[in-house]
Amino acid sequence: MPIPFKTIELDKAYKLRFGMGATMEFKELTGMSFSELGDNVSEQVLGQILWVMLKQENQDLTQKDVNKLIDEYFDGTMDDLMDLTQQAIQAAYPPQNPTKPAATKKG
């Protein structure tokens, strides 16, 4: 099953997916893991998260390209952008369900 995503409408529809590629690229870019993000994400970190997610669909995008796309096409506030980004991350890393047994490693 593919990693779930949220859609962001910019110059076209993009999938916001914080899958393995974006997670690894974010760690390499910032030195931070997903678990270190916490609730207070700065504008710079938000931009980096968006960049690594959008690059999964278009490797040619630069950070400046993403900033420009957001500024020109995103129809919402910065809070809306933060919420959408958090939803995409939560789709990939949902909270553990205490009633669902944890996956076990087969060996």
Protein backbone atom coordinates (compact mmCIF):
# COMPACT_ATOMS: atom_id res chain seq x y z
CA MET A 1 0.00 0.00 0.00
CA PRO A 2 1.50 3.37 -0.99
CA ILE A 3 2.15 6.09 1.58
CA PRO A 4 -0.97 8.28 1.89
CA PHE A 5 -0.79 11.88 0.73
CA LYS A 6 -2.62 15.19 0.70
CA THR A 7 -3.05 17.27 -2.43
CA ILE A 8 -1.96 20.89 -2.74
CA GLU A 9 -3.20 23.00 -5.63
CA LEU A 10 -0.52 25.32 -6.95
CA ASP A 11 0.20 25.82 -10.66
CA LYS A 12 -1.07 22.22 -10.83
CA ALA A 13 -2.04 19.58 -8.30
CA TYR A 14 0.90 18.18 -6.32
CA LYS A 15 0.95 15.28 -3.89
CA LEU A 16 2.25 16.17 -0.47
CA ARG A 17 3.69 12.87 0.70
CA PHE A 18 6.19 12.53 3.52
CA GLY A 19 7.33 9.07 2.47
CA MET A 20 10.73 7.42 2.72
CA GLY A 21 12.36 9.62 0.06
CA ALA A 22 11.15 12.89 1.58
CA THR A 23 11.95 11.72 5.10
CA MET A 24 15.53 10.80 4.19
CA GLU A 25 16.04 13.98 2.19
CA PHE A 26 14.68 16.11 5.06
CA LYS A 27 17.08 14.43 7.51
CA GLU A 28 20.00 14.99 5.13
CA LEU A 29 19.01 18.63 4.55
CA THR A 30 18.32 19.66 8.14
CA GLY A 31 19.96 17.05 10.34
CA MET A 32 16.54 16.61 12.03
CA SER A 33 14.42 13.49 12.07
CA PHE A 34 10.65 13.52 11.81
CA SER A 35 10.34 12.87 15.54
CA GLU A 36 12.34 16.02 16.32
CA LEU A 37 9.93 18.36 14.54
CA GLY A 38 7.56 18.92 17.43
CA ASP A 39 4.72 21.45 17.30
CA ASN A 40 6.70 24.66 16.73
CA VAL A 41 7.82 24.47 13.11
CA SER A 42 9.49 27.63 11.82
CA GLU A 43 8.72 29.09 8.41
CA GLN A 44 12.15 27.93 7.22
CA VAL A 45 11.53 24.35 8.30
CA LEU A 46 8.03 24.44 6.79
CA GLY A 47 9.58 25.52 3.48
CA GLN A 48 12.13 22.70 3.68
CA ILE A 49 9.42 20.12 4.41
CA LEU A 50 7.34 21.34 1.47
CA TRP A 51 10.39 21.31 -0.79
CA VAL A 52 11.37 17.72 -0.04
CA MET A 53 7.77 16.57 -0.49
CA LEU A 54 7.25 18.42 -3.79
CA LYS A 55 10.64 17.28 -5.09
CA GLN A 56 9.36 13.71 -5.01
CA GLU A 57 7.22 14.63 -8.03
CA ASN A 58 9.62 17.07 -9.71
CA GLN A 59 13.31 16.67 -8.91
CA ASP A 60 14.11 19.91 -10.76
CA LEU A 61 12.29 22.09 -8.22
CA THR A 62 14.51 24.32 -6.09
CA GLN A 63 13.62 25.76 -2.70
CA LYS A 64 13.13 29.13 -4.42
CA ASP A 65 10.77 27.51 -6.95
CA VAL A 66 8.66 26.08 -4.15
CA ASN A 67 8.56 29.40 -2.32
CA LYS A 68 7.44 31.13 -5.52
CA LEU A 69 4.76 28.50 -6.21
CA ILE A 70 3.39 28.93 -2.68
CA ASP A 71 3.44 32.72 -2.92
CA GLU A 72 1.80 32.82 -6.34
CA TYR A 73 -0.68 29.96 -6.24
CA PHE A 74 -1.51 28.79 -2.71
CA ASP A 75 -5.06 29.87 -1.91
CA GLY A 76 -4.90 30.15 1.86
CA THR A 77 -3.03 31.54 4.83
CA MET A 78 0.29 30.38 6.23
CA ASP A 79 -1.68 28.64 8.98
CA ASP A 80 -3.62 26.77 6.28
CA LEU A 81 -0.34 25.76 4.65
CA MET A 82 1.03 24.55 7.98
CA ASP A 83 -2.16 22.55 8.63
CA LEU A 84 -2.03 20.91 5.20
CA THR A 85 1.63 20.02 5.66
CA GLN A 86 0.93 18.54 9.09
CA GLN A 87 -1.95 16.51 7.62
CA ALA A 88 0.40 15.09 4.98
CA ILE A 89 2.94 14.11 7.64
CA GLN A 90 0.24 12.59 9.86
CA ALA A 91 -1.11 10.63 6.87
CA ALA A 92 2.32 9.00 6.53
CA TYR A 93 2.90 8.64 10.28
CA PRO A 94 -0.49 8.14 11.91
CA PRO A 95 -0.64 7.87 15.69
CA GLN A 96 -0.37 4.34 16.97
CA ASN A 97 -3.75 2.74 17.53
CA PRO A 98 -3.64 1.05 20.95
CA THR A 99 -6.29 -1.50 19.90
CA LYS A 100 -4.36 -2.54 16.78
CA PRO A 101 -1.50 -4.97 17.33
CA ALA A 102 1.92 -3.71 16.31
CA ALA A 103 3.47 -5.18 13.19
CA THR A 104 6.01 -7.86 13.89
CA LYS A 105 9.20 -8.45 12.00
CA LYS A 106 9.28 -11.78 10.20
CA GLY A 107 12.59 -13.41 10.10
